[in-house]
């Protein structure tokens, strides 16, 4: 396996190479990201029932006024 190292930037969610290097479609690549500080964010999970059989208690009822 031969290795070529190319530098690029991420622009609008896509990797843009800084050089005019053409890679054919479906070329396997590996991306190494040096010195990045990831953004911290909270992940809010959906609530879950401890006993799924209780789901019937939360059945939606539609009433007309």
N, C-alpha and C. Protein backbone atom coordinates (compact mmCIF):
# COMPACT_ATOMS: atom_id res chain seq x y z
N UNK A 1 0.85 -1.17 0.00
CA UNK A 1 0.00 0.00 0.00
C UNK A 1 0.90 1.23 0.00
N UNK A 2 0.69 2.13 -0.96
CA UNK A 2 1.45 3.37 -0.97
C UNK A 2 0.63 4.45 -0.25
N UNK A 3 1.32 5.43 0.32
CA UNK A 3 0.67 6.48 1.10
C UNK A 3 1.05 7.84 0.54
N UNK A 4 0.08 8.68 0.33
CA UNK A 4 0.29 10.07 -0.09
C UNK A 4 -0.35 10.95 0.97
N UNK A 5 0.35 11.96 1.43
CA UNK A 5 -0.20 12.88 2.42
C UNK A 5 -0.58 14.17 1.73
N UNK A 6 -1.84 14.58 1.89
CA UNK A 6 -2.35 15.81 1.28
C UNK A 6 -2.93 16.69 2.37
N UNK A 7 -2.77 18.00 2.23
CA UNK A 7 -3.34 18.92 3.20
C UNK A 7 -4.61 19.53 2.62
N UNK A 8 -5.58 19.74 3.47
CA UNK A 8 -6.83 20.34 3.02
C UNK A 8 -7.54 21.02 4.17
N UNK A 9 -8.72 21.55 3.89
CA UNK A 9 -9.54 22.19 4.91
C UNK A 9 -10.98 21.71 4.73
N UNK A 10 -11.75 21.83 5.79
CA UNK A 10 -13.18 21.50 5.70
C UNK A 10 -13.91 22.79 5.41
N UNK A 11 -14.71 22.77 4.36
CA UNK A 11 -15.45 23.95 3.93
C UNK A 11 -16.87 23.53 3.58
N UNK A 12 -17.84 24.07 4.31
CA UNK A 12 -19.25 23.71 4.13
C UNK A 12 -19.46 22.20 4.24
N UNK A 13 -18.76 21.58 5.19
CA UNK A 13 -18.96 20.16 5.46
C UNK A 13 -18.21 19.23 4.52
N UNK A 14 -17.43 19.76 3.59
CA UNK A 14 -16.68 18.91 2.66
C UNK A 14 -15.20 19.19 2.80
N UNK A 15 -14.38 18.18 2.58
CA UNK A 15 -12.94 18.35 2.64
C UNK A 15 -12.46 18.87 1.30
N UNK A 16 -11.78 20.00 1.34
CA UNK A 16 -11.23 20.63 0.13
C UNK A 16 -9.71 20.52 0.20
N UNK A 17 -9.10 19.87 -0.79
CA UNK A 17 -7.65 19.75 -0.82
C UNK A 17 -7.03 21.07 -1.24
N UNK A 18 -5.88 21.42 -0.63
CA UNK A 18 -5.21 22.67 -0.96
C UNK A 18 -4.47 22.59 -2.29
N UNK A 19 -4.25 21.39 -2.80
CA UNK A 19 -3.56 21.22 -4.07
C UNK A 19 -4.54 20.70 -5.12
N UNK A 20 -4.15 20.76 -6.36
CA UNK A 20 -4.97 20.23 -7.45
C UNK A 20 -4.70 18.75 -7.64
N UNK A 21 -5.05 17.96 -6.68
CA UNK A 21 -4.80 16.52 -6.71
C UNK A 21 -6.13 15.83 -6.95
N UNK A 22 -6.23 15.02 -7.98
CA UNK A 22 -7.49 14.35 -8.32
C UNK A 22 -7.51 12.95 -7.72
N UNK A 23 -8.55 12.66 -6.96
CA UNK A 23 -8.76 11.32 -6.43
C UNK A 23 -9.96 10.71 -7.15
N UNK A 24 -9.82 9.52 -7.68
CA UNK A 24 -10.95 8.88 -8.36
C UNK A 24 -12.09 8.59 -7.39
N UNK A 25 -13.31 8.51 -7.91
CA UNK A 25 -14.47 8.16 -7.08
C UNK A 25 -14.23 6.83 -6.39
N UNK A 26 -14.75 6.72 -5.19
CA UNK A 26 -14.69 5.52 -4.35
C UNK A 26 -13.28 5.17 -3.90
N UNK A 27 -12.36 6.16 -3.91
CA UNK A 27 -11.03 5.93 -3.39
C UNK A 27 -11.10 5.89 -1.87
N UNK A 28 -10.52 4.86 -1.25
CA UNK A 28 -10.51 4.77 0.20
C UNK A 28 -9.50 5.78 0.73
N UNK A 29 -9.92 6.60 1.68
CA UNK A 29 -9.03 7.60 2.29
C UNK A 29 -9.15 7.50 3.81
N UNK A 30 -8.13 8.00 4.49
CA UNK A 30 -8.12 8.08 5.94
C UNK A 30 -7.90 9.55 6.29
N UNK A 31 -8.67 10.07 7.21
CA UNK A 31 -8.57 11.48 7.59
C UNK A 31 -7.99 11.56 9.00
N UNK A 32 -6.90 12.32 9.14
CA UNK A 32 -6.27 12.57 10.44
C UNK A 32 -6.44 14.05 10.73
N UNK A 33 -7.02 14.37 11.88
CA UNK A 33 -7.28 15.77 12.23
C UNK A 33 -6.35 16.15 13.38
N UNK A 34 -5.33 16.97 13.10
CA UNK A 34 -4.39 17.35 14.16
C UNK A 34 -4.89 18.57 14.95
N UNK A 35 -4.56 18.60 16.22
CA UNK A 35 -4.79 19.77 17.07
C UNK A 35 -6.18 20.36 16.99
N UNK A 36 -7.18 19.55 17.18
CA UNK A 36 -8.56 20.08 17.13
C UNK A 36 -9.14 20.07 18.54
N UNK A 37 -9.86 21.09 18.84
CA UNK A 37 -10.59 21.18 20.10
C UNK A 37 -12.06 20.95 19.78
N UNK A 38 -12.58 19.81 20.18
CA UNK A 38 -13.97 19.50 19.88
C UNK A 38 -14.92 20.40 20.65
N UNK A 39 -16.04 20.71 20.02
CA UNK A 39 -17.06 21.51 20.69
C UNK A 39 -17.80 20.63 21.69
N UNK A 40 -17.98 21.16 22.87
CA UNK A 40 -18.71 20.42 23.89
C UNK A 40 -20.19 20.78 23.78
N UNK A 41 -21.02 19.76 23.87
CA UNK A 41 -22.45 19.99 23.80
C UNK A 41 -23.16 18.95 24.66
N UNK A 42 -24.33 19.30 25.09
CA UNK A 42 -25.13 18.39 25.91
C UNK A 42 -25.96 17.50 25.00
N UNK A 43 -26.10 16.27 25.38
CA UNK A 43 -26.96 15.34 24.64
C UNK A 43 -28.17 15.04 25.52
N UNK A 44 -29.33 15.36 25.03
CA UNK A 44 -30.56 15.13 25.79
C UNK A 44 -31.23 13.88 25.22
N UNK A 45 -31.34 12.88 26.06
CA UNK A 45 -31.94 11.63 25.63
C UNK A 45 -33.46 11.69 25.77
N UNK A 46 -34.16 10.95 24.94
CA UNK A 46 -35.62 10.86 25.05
C UNK A 46 -35.96 10.04 26.28
N UNK A 47 -37.03 10.41 26.95
CA UNK A 47 -37.41 9.63 28.14
C UNK A 47 -37.87 8.23 27.74
N UNK A 48 -37.62 7.29 28.60
CA UNK A 48 -38.01 5.91 28.36
C UNK A 48 -38.78 5.41 29.58
N UNK A 49 -39.73 4.54 29.34
CA UNK A 49 -40.48 3.94 30.44
C UNK A 49 -39.66 2.82 31.08
N UNK A 50 -39.68 2.78 32.40
CA UNK A 50 -39.00 1.69 33.10
C UNK A 50 -39.69 0.37 32.78
N UNK A 51 -41.02 0.42 32.65
CA UNK A 51 -41.80 -0.78 32.32
C UNK A 51 -42.58 -0.51 31.03
N UNK A 52 -42.09 -0.96 29.87
CA UNK A 52 -42.76 -0.67 28.60
C UNK A 52 -44.23 -1.11 28.56
N UNK A 53 -44.61 -2.07 29.38
CA UNK A 53 -46.02 -2.50 29.37
C UNK A 53 -46.94 -1.40 29.89
N UNK A 54 -46.41 -0.35 30.51
CA UNK A 54 -47.21 0.77 30.98
C UNK A 54 -47.52 1.77 29.87
N UNK A 55 -47.04 1.54 28.67
CA UNK A 55 -47.24 2.47 27.56
C UNK A 55 -48.72 2.70 27.29
N UNK A 56 -49.56 1.72 27.52
CA UNK A 56 -51.00 1.86 27.29
C UNK A 56 -51.58 2.98 28.15
N UNK A 57 -50.96 3.26 29.31
CA UNK A 57 -51.44 4.33 30.18
C UNK A 57 -51.26 5.71 29.53
N UNK A 58 -50.41 5.80 28.53
CA UNK A 58 -50.13 7.07 27.89
C UNK A 58 -50.74 7.18 26.50
N UNK A 59 -51.71 6.32 26.21
CA UNK A 59 -52.37 6.33 24.90
C UNK A 59 -53.10 7.66 24.71
N UNK A 60 -52.93 8.27 23.53
CA UNK A 60 -53.54 9.55 23.25
C UNK A 60 -55.03 9.40 23.00
N UNK A 61 -55.78 10.26 23.62
CA UNK A 61 -57.22 10.30 23.39
C UNK A 61 -57.55 11.64 22.78
N UNK A 62 -58.28 11.63 21.69
CA UNK A 62 -58.68 12.86 21.01
C UNK A 62 -60.14 13.12 21.30
N UNK A 63 -60.43 14.30 21.81
CA UNK A 63 -61.81 14.68 22.09
C UNK A 63 -62.11 15.98 21.34
N UNK A 64 -63.30 16.09 20.86
CA UNK A 64 -63.74 17.31 20.16
C UNK A 64 -64.52 18.18 21.14
N UNK A 65 -64.26 19.47 21.05
CA UNK A 65 -64.98 20.40 21.94
C UNK A 65 -66.18 20.98 21.25
